[in-house]
Amino acid sequence: MFLADCPARTTLEVIGHTWSVVVVVALGEKPLRYGELLERIGGISNKMLTQTLARLRGNGLLVAVDGRYELTGLGRSLLAPVRALAAWAEEHSGDLVDARWQHEVGGGLVVPGDVPAE
């Protein structure tokens, strides 16, 4: 059960925002200035980047040093699981799109690779 104070639920609250993982990955290579982050992350607005940086900073995942944002040790420890999730997404994004299309067109969920229950 995922209680209110469950570690998985608490963690997902922090990294479950669309841009949180993207910012963590962007900072995984090196510290970046705000403008560099904005350029590197396509499609994020100033407001959303500011909110995301504040959320990550407030949760101890990054700090601002000399005008650059960089991951803390805690933030760097998140890189391996986030990269694994990104690899899974790359491998299965076609399956997800296909399943979504099947659901919308066919009216039911068909998951590629799954065998229907008898």
N, C-alpha and C. Protein backbone atom coordinates (compact mmCIF):
# COMPACT_ATOMS: atom_id res chain seq x y z
N MET A 1 0.85 -1.17 0.00
CA MET A 1 0.00 0.00 0.00
C MET A 1 0.90 1.24 0.00
N PHE A 2 0.50 2.27 -0.73
CA PHE A 2 1.27 3.50 -0.80
C PHE A 2 0.65 4.54 0.14
N LEU A 3 1.09 4.51 1.39
CA LEU A 3 0.60 5.46 2.38
C LEU A 3 1.15 6.84 2.09
N ALA A 4 0.60 7.85 2.74
CA ALA A 4 1.00 9.23 2.48
C ALA A 4 2.49 9.45 2.70
N ASP A 5 3.08 8.75 3.67
CA ASP A 5 4.50 8.95 3.95
C ASP A 5 5.38 7.83 3.38
N CYS A 6 4.85 7.07 2.45
CA CYS A 6 5.59 5.98 1.81
C CYS A 6 6.78 6.56 1.04
N PRO A 7 7.98 5.98 1.19
CA PRO A 7 9.15 6.49 0.48
C PRO A 7 8.97 6.54 -1.04
N ALA A 8 8.35 5.54 -1.62
CA ALA A 8 8.14 5.54 -3.08
C ALA A 8 7.22 6.69 -3.47
N ARG A 9 6.18 6.89 -2.74
CA ARG A 9 5.23 7.96 -3.05
C ARG A 9 5.89 9.33 -2.89
N THR A 10 6.67 9.49 -1.82
CA THR A 10 7.37 10.75 -1.58
C THR A 10 8.35 11.05 -2.70
N THR A 11 9.10 10.03 -3.12
CA THR A 11 10.08 10.20 -4.19
C THR A 11 9.40 10.52 -5.51
N LEU A 12 8.34 9.80 -5.83
CA LEU A 12 7.62 10.05 -7.07
C LEU A 12 7.00 11.44 -7.10
N GLU A 13 6.64 11.96 -5.95
CA GLU A 13 6.12 13.32 -5.88
C GLU A 13 7.17 14.33 -6.36
N VAL A 14 8.43 14.07 -6.03
CA VAL A 14 9.52 14.96 -6.41
C VAL A 14 9.89 14.79 -7.87
N ILE A 15 10.10 13.55 -8.30
CA ILE A 15 10.61 13.33 -9.66
C ILE A 15 9.51 13.05 -10.68
N GLY A 16 8.28 12.96 -10.22
CA GLY A 16 7.18 12.63 -11.12
C GLY A 16 6.75 13.78 -12.02
N HIS A 17 7.23 14.96 -11.76
CA HIS A 17 6.92 16.10 -12.63
C HIS A 17 7.69 15.95 -13.93
N THR A 18 7.07 16.23 -15.02
CA THR A 18 7.65 16.04 -16.35
C THR A 18 9.06 16.59 -16.47
N TRP A 19 9.27 17.79 -16.00
CA TRP A 19 10.55 18.45 -16.25
C TRP A 19 11.63 18.09 -15.23
N SER A 20 11.28 17.54 -14.09
CA SER A 20 12.27 17.23 -13.06
C SER A 20 13.34 16.28 -13.57
N VAL A 21 12.92 15.21 -14.19
CA VAL A 21 13.86 14.21 -14.70
C VAL A 21 14.71 14.81 -15.82
N VAL A 22 14.10 15.62 -16.66
CA VAL A 22 14.82 16.24 -17.76
C VAL A 22 15.92 17.17 -17.23
N VAL A 23 15.61 17.94 -16.21
CA VAL A 23 16.60 18.85 -15.62
C VAL A 23 17.72 18.05 -14.95
N VAL A 24 17.38 17.00 -14.23
CA VAL A 24 18.41 16.17 -13.60
C VAL A 24 19.36 15.60 -14.64
N VAL A 25 18.83 15.08 -15.72
CA VAL A 25 19.67 14.53 -16.79
C VAL A 25 20.52 15.63 -17.42
N ALA A 26 19.93 16.80 -17.65
CA ALA A 26 20.67 17.91 -18.26
C ALA A 26 21.85 18.33 -17.38
N LEU A 27 21.66 18.28 -16.08
CA LEU A 27 22.73 18.67 -15.16
C LEU A 27 23.68 17.51 -14.85
N GLY A 28 23.39 16.34 -15.38
CA GLY A 28 24.21 15.16 -15.10
C GLY A 28 25.61 15.24 -15.70
N GLU A 29 25.77 15.99 -16.76
CA GLU A 29 27.07 16.11 -17.41
C GLU A 29 27.94 17.17 -16.76
N LYS A 30 27.34 18.32 -16.46
CA LYS A 30 28.11 19.42 -15.86
C LYS A 30 27.14 20.48 -15.35
N PRO A 31 27.60 21.34 -14.43
CA PRO A 31 26.77 22.45 -13.97
C PRO A 31 26.46 23.40 -15.13
N LEU A 32 25.27 23.97 -15.11
CA LEU A 32 24.84 24.87 -16.18
C LEU A 32 24.18 26.12 -15.60
N ARG A 33 24.33 27.23 -16.32
CA ARG A 33 23.62 28.46 -15.97
C ARG A 33 22.16 28.32 -16.41
N TYR A 34 21.32 29.19 -15.85
CA TYR A 34 19.89 29.16 -16.17
C TYR A 34 19.67 29.21 -17.68
N GLY A 35 20.29 30.15 -18.35
CA GLY A 35 20.11 30.30 -19.79
C GLY A 35 20.58 29.08 -20.56
N GLU A 36 21.66 28.45 -20.09
CA GLU A 36 22.16 27.24 -20.74
C GLU A 36 21.16 26.09 -20.60
N LEU A 37 20.56 26.01 -19.42
CA LEU A 37 19.52 24.99 -19.20
C LEU A 37 18.33 25.23 -20.11
N LEU A 38 17.93 26.48 -20.20
CA LEU A 38 16.79 26.84 -21.04
C LEU A 38 17.05 26.47 -22.50
N GLU A 39 18.27 26.71 -22.98
CA GLU A 39 18.63 26.35 -24.35
C GLU A 39 18.70 24.85 -24.55
N ARG A 40 19.23 24.16 -23.56
CA ARG A 40 19.44 22.72 -23.66
C ARG A 40 18.14 21.93 -23.61
N ILE A 41 17.16 22.45 -22.87
CA ILE A 41 15.89 21.75 -22.69
C ILE A 41 14.85 22.38 -23.61
N GLY A 42 14.58 21.77 -24.71
CA GLY A 42 13.61 22.29 -25.66
C GLY A 42 12.19 22.21 -25.12
N GLY A 43 11.44 23.29 -25.29
CA GLY A 43 10.03 23.26 -24.96
C GLY A 43 9.67 23.65 -23.54
N ILE A 44 10.64 23.93 -22.70
CA ILE A 44 10.32 24.33 -21.33
C ILE A 44 10.23 25.86 -21.27
N SER A 45 9.25 26.35 -20.56
CA SER A 45 9.08 27.80 -20.41
C SER A 45 9.95 28.31 -19.27
N ASN A 46 10.17 29.61 -19.24
CA ASN A 46 10.91 30.23 -18.13
C ASN A 46 10.25 29.90 -16.80
N LYS A 47 8.94 30.05 -16.76
CA LYS A 47 8.20 29.80 -15.52
C LYS A 47 8.37 28.36 -15.05
N MET A 48 8.23 27.42 -15.97
CA MET A 48 8.33 26.00 -15.60
C MET A 48 9.75 25.64 -15.17
N LEU A 49 10.75 26.18 -15.85
CA LEU A 49 12.14 25.91 -15.45
C LEU A 49 12.40 26.47 -14.06
N THR A 50 11.93 27.68 -13.80
CA THR A 50 12.11 28.29 -12.48
C THR A 50 11.44 27.44 -11.40
N GLN A 51 10.22 26.99 -11.64
CA GLN A 51 9.50 26.16 -10.68
C GLN A 51 10.21 24.83 -10.46
N THR A 52 10.68 24.23 -11.55
CA THR A 52 11.36 22.93 -11.46
C THR A 52 12.65 23.05 -10.68
N LEU A 53 13.43 24.09 -10.97
CA LEU A 53 14.69 24.30 -10.24
C LEU A 53 14.42 24.51 -8.76
N ALA A 54 13.39 25.27 -8.44
CA ALA A 54 13.04 25.51 -7.04
C ALA A 54 12.63 24.21 -6.35
N ARG A 55 11.84 23.38 -7.03
CA ARG A 55 11.39 22.11 -6.45
C ARG A 55 12.59 21.18 -6.20
N LEU A 56 13.47 21.07 -7.19
CA LEU A 56 14.64 20.20 -7.04
C LEU A 56 15.59 20.72 -5.97
N ARG A 57 15.76 22.02 -5.94
CA ARG A 57 16.62 22.63 -4.93
C ARG A 57 16.03 22.42 -3.54
N GLY A 58 14.73 22.62 -3.40
CA GLY A 58 14.06 22.45 -2.12
C GLY A 58 14.10 21.02 -1.60
N ASN A 59 14.29 20.07 -2.52
CA ASN A 59 14.38 18.66 -2.12
C ASN A 59 15.82 18.16 -2.05
N GLY A 60 16.75 19.09 -2.12
CA GLY A 60 18.16 18.74 -1.92
C GLY A 60 18.83 18.06 -3.10
N LEU A 61 18.24 18.15 -4.29
CA LEU A 61 18.82 17.48 -5.45
C LEU A 61 19.78 18.36 -6.24
N LEU A 62 19.67 19.67 -6.06
CA LEU A 62 20.62 20.56 -6.74
C LEU A 62 20.86 21.80 -5.90
N VAL A 63 21.95 22.49 -6.23
CA VAL A 63 22.31 23.75 -5.59
C VAL A 63 22.72 24.73 -6.68
N ALA A 64 22.69 26.00 -6.33
CA ALA A 64 23.19 27.04 -7.23
C ALA A 64 24.52 27.53 -6.66
N VAL A 65 25.57 27.42 -7.47
CA VAL A 65 26.90 27.85 -7.06
C VAL A 65 27.46 28.75 -8.14
N ASP A 66 27.80 29.99 -7.78
CA ASP A 66 28.38 30.95 -8.72
C ASP A 66 27.54 31.09 -9.99
N GLY A 67 26.22 31.14 -9.83
CA GLY A 67 25.33 31.34 -10.97
C GLY A 67 25.09 30.11 -11.81
N ARG A 68 25.59 28.98 -11.38
CA ARG A 68 25.38 27.72 -12.10
C ARG A 68 24.62 26.75 -11.19
N TYR A 69 23.78 25.96 -11.82
CA TYR A 69 23.05 24.93 -11.10
C TYR A 69 23.82 23.63 -11.24
N GLU A 70 23.96 22.93 -10.13
CA GLU A 70 24.64 21.63 -10.18
C GLU A 70 23.97 20.65 -9.24
N LEU A 71 24.09 19.39 -9.59
CA LEU A 71 23.49 18.35 -8.76
C LEU A 71 24.27 18.18 -7.48
N THR A 72 23.57 17.89 -6.41
CA THR A 72 24.21 17.51 -5.15
C THR A 72 24.56 16.02 -5.23
N GLY A 73 25.17 15.50 -4.20
CA GLY A 73 25.42 14.06 -4.15
C GLY A 73 24.12 13.29 -4.26
N LEU A 74 23.08 13.78 -3.61
CA LEU A 74 21.77 13.13 -3.68
C LEU A 74 21.23 13.18 -5.10
N GLY A 75 21.39 14.31 -5.76
CA GLY A 75 20.94 14.44 -7.14
C GLY A 75 21.71 13.53 -8.08
N ARG A 76 23.03 13.44 -7.87
CA ARG A 76 23.84 12.55 -8.71
C ARG A 76 23.46 11.09 -8.50
N SER A 77 23.04 10.75 -7.28
CA SER A 77 22.64 9.36 -7.02
C SER A 77 21.36 8.99 -7.76
N LEU A 78 20.62 9.99 -8.22
CA LEU A 78 19.39 9.77 -8.97
C LEU A 78 19.66 9.52 -10.45
N LEU A 79 20.86 9.84 -10.93
CA LEU A 79 21.16 9.72 -12.35
C LEU A 79 21.04 8.29 -12.87
N ALA A 80 21.55 7.31 -12.16
CA ALA A 80 21.49 5.92 -12.64
C ALA A 80 20.05 5.44 -12.84
N PRO A 81 19.17 5.59 -11.84
CA PRO A 81 17.80 5.16 -12.06
C PRO A 81 17.09 5.96 -13.15
N VAL A 82 17.36 7.24 -13.24
CA VAL A 82 16.73 8.07 -14.26
C VAL A 82 17.21 7.66 -15.65
N ARG A 83 18.49 7.38 -15.79
CA ARG A 83 19.01 6.94 -17.07
C ARG A 83 18.44 5.57 -17.45
N ALA A 84 18.25 4.71 -16.46
CA ALA A 84 17.63 3.41 -16.74
C ALA A 84 16.20 3.60 -17.22
N LEU A 85 15.48 4.52 -16.61
CA LEU A 85 14.11 4.82 -17.04
C LEU A 85 14.11 5.39 -18.46
N ALA A 86 15.06 6.26 -18.75
CA ALA A 86 15.16 6.83 -20.10
C ALA A 86 15.44 5.74 -21.13
N ALA A 87 16.31 4.79 -20.79
CA ALA A 87 16.61 3.68 -21.70
C ALA A 87 15.37 2.83 -21.93
N TRP A 88 14.61 2.58 -20.86
CA TRP A 88 13.37 1.82 -21.00
C TRP A 88 12.40 2.57 -21.92
N ALA A 89 12.30 3.87 -21.73
CA ALA A 89 11.40 4.68 -22.54
C ALA A 89 11.79 4.63 -24.02
N GLU A 90 13.08 4.71 -24.29
CA GLU A 90 13.54 4.63 -25.69
C GLU A 90 13.20 3.27 -26.29
N GLU A 91 13.38 2.22 -25.51
CA GLU A 91 13.12 0.87 -26.00
C GLU A 91 11.64 0.61 -26.23
N HIS A 92 10.78 1.18 -25.40
CA HIS A 92 9.36 0.84 -25.43
C HIS A 92 8.44 1.97 -25.88
N SER A 93 8.99 3.10 -26.31
CA SER A 93 8.10 4.21 -26.68
C SER A 93 7.18 3.82 -27.83
N GLY A 94 7.66 3.06 -28.79
CA GLY A 94 6.80 2.60 -29.89
C GLY A 94 5.66 1.74 -29.39
N ASP A 95 5.95 0.86 -28.43
CA ASP A 95 4.90 0.01 -27.86
C ASP A 95 3.84 0.86 -27.15
N LEU A 96 4.29 1.88 -26.43
CA LEU A 96 3.35 2.74 -25.73
C LEU A 96 2.45 3.50 -26.70
N VAL A 97 3.06 4.03 -27.76
CA VAL A 97 2.29 4.75 -28.78
C VAL A 97 1.30 3.80 -29.46
N ASP A 98 1.76 2.59 -29.81
CA ASP A 98 0.87 1.60 -30.44
C ASP A 98 -0.29 1.25 -29.52
N ALA A 99 0.00 1.02 -28.25
CA ALA A 99 -1.06 0.65 -27.31
C ALA A 99 -2.06 1.78 -27.14
N ARG A 100 -1.56 3.01 -27.08
CA ARG A 100 -2.45 4.16 -26.94
C ARG A 100 -3.35 4.28 -28.18
N TRP A 101 -2.75 4.10 -29.34
CA TRP A 101 -3.52 4.19 -30.58
C TRP A 101 -4.59 3.09 -30.62
N GLN A 102 -4.20 1.86 -30.27
CA GLN A 102 -5.16 0.75 -30.25
C GLN A 102 -6.30 1.04 -29.29
N HIS A 103 -5.97 1.60 -28.16
CA HIS A 103 -6.99 1.91 -27.16
C HIS A 103 -7.96 2.97 -27.68
N GLU A 104 -7.42 4.00 -28.30
CA GLU A 104 -8.26 5.09 -28.80
C GLU A 104 -9.10 4.65 -30.00
N VAL A 105 -8.51 3.88 -30.90
CA VAL A 105 -9.21 3.45 -32.11
C VAL A 105 -10.11 2.26 -31.84
N GLY A 106 -9.58 1.27 -31.11
CA GLY A 106 -10.31 0.04 -30.90
C GLY A 106 -11.22 0.04 -29.70
N GLY A 107 -11.13 1.05 -28.88
CA GLY A 107 -12.00 1.14 -27.72
C GLY A 107 -11.58 0.27 -26.56
N GLY A 108 -10.47 -0.41 -26.68
CA GLY A 108 -9.98 -1.24 -25.59
C GLY A 108 -8.47 -1.24 -25.60
N LEU A 109 -7.89 -1.59 -24.50
CA LEU A 109 -6.44 -1.57 -24.37
C LEU A 109 -5.84 -2.86 -24.90
N VAL A 110 -4.98 -2.73 -25.88
CA VAL A 110 -4.24 -3.87 -26.41
C VAL A 110 -2.77 -3.55 -26.22
N VAL A 111 -2.10 -4.34 -25.41
CA VAL A 111 -0.70 -4.09 -25.11
C VAL A 111 0.15 -5.02 -25.95
N PRO A 112 1.01 -4.46 -26.85
CA PRO A 112 1.85 -5.30 -27.68
C PRO A 112 2.68 -6.25 -26.82
N GLY A 113 2.72 -7.51 -27.23
CA GLY A 113 3.51 -8.50 -26.52
C GLY A 113 2.76 -9.24 -25.43
N ASP A 114 1.62 -8.71 -25.01
CA ASP A 114 0.84 -9.38 -23.97
C ASP A 114 -0.08 -10.42 -24.59
N VAL A 115 -0.28 -11.49 -23.87
CA VAL A 115 -1.19 -12.54 -24.31
C VAL A 115 -2.50 -12.34 -23.56
N PRO A 116 -3.62 -12.25 -24.27
CA PRO A 116 -4.91 -12.05 -23.58
C PRO A 116 -5.21 -13.20 -22.62
N ALA A 117 -5.82 -12.87 -21.51
CA ALA A 117 -6.21 -13.89 -20.53
C ALA A 117 -7.37 -14.68 -21.08
N GLU A 118 -7.39 -15.97 -20.76
CA GLU A 118 -8.47 -16.84 -21.26
C GLU A 118 -9.55 -16.96 -20.24
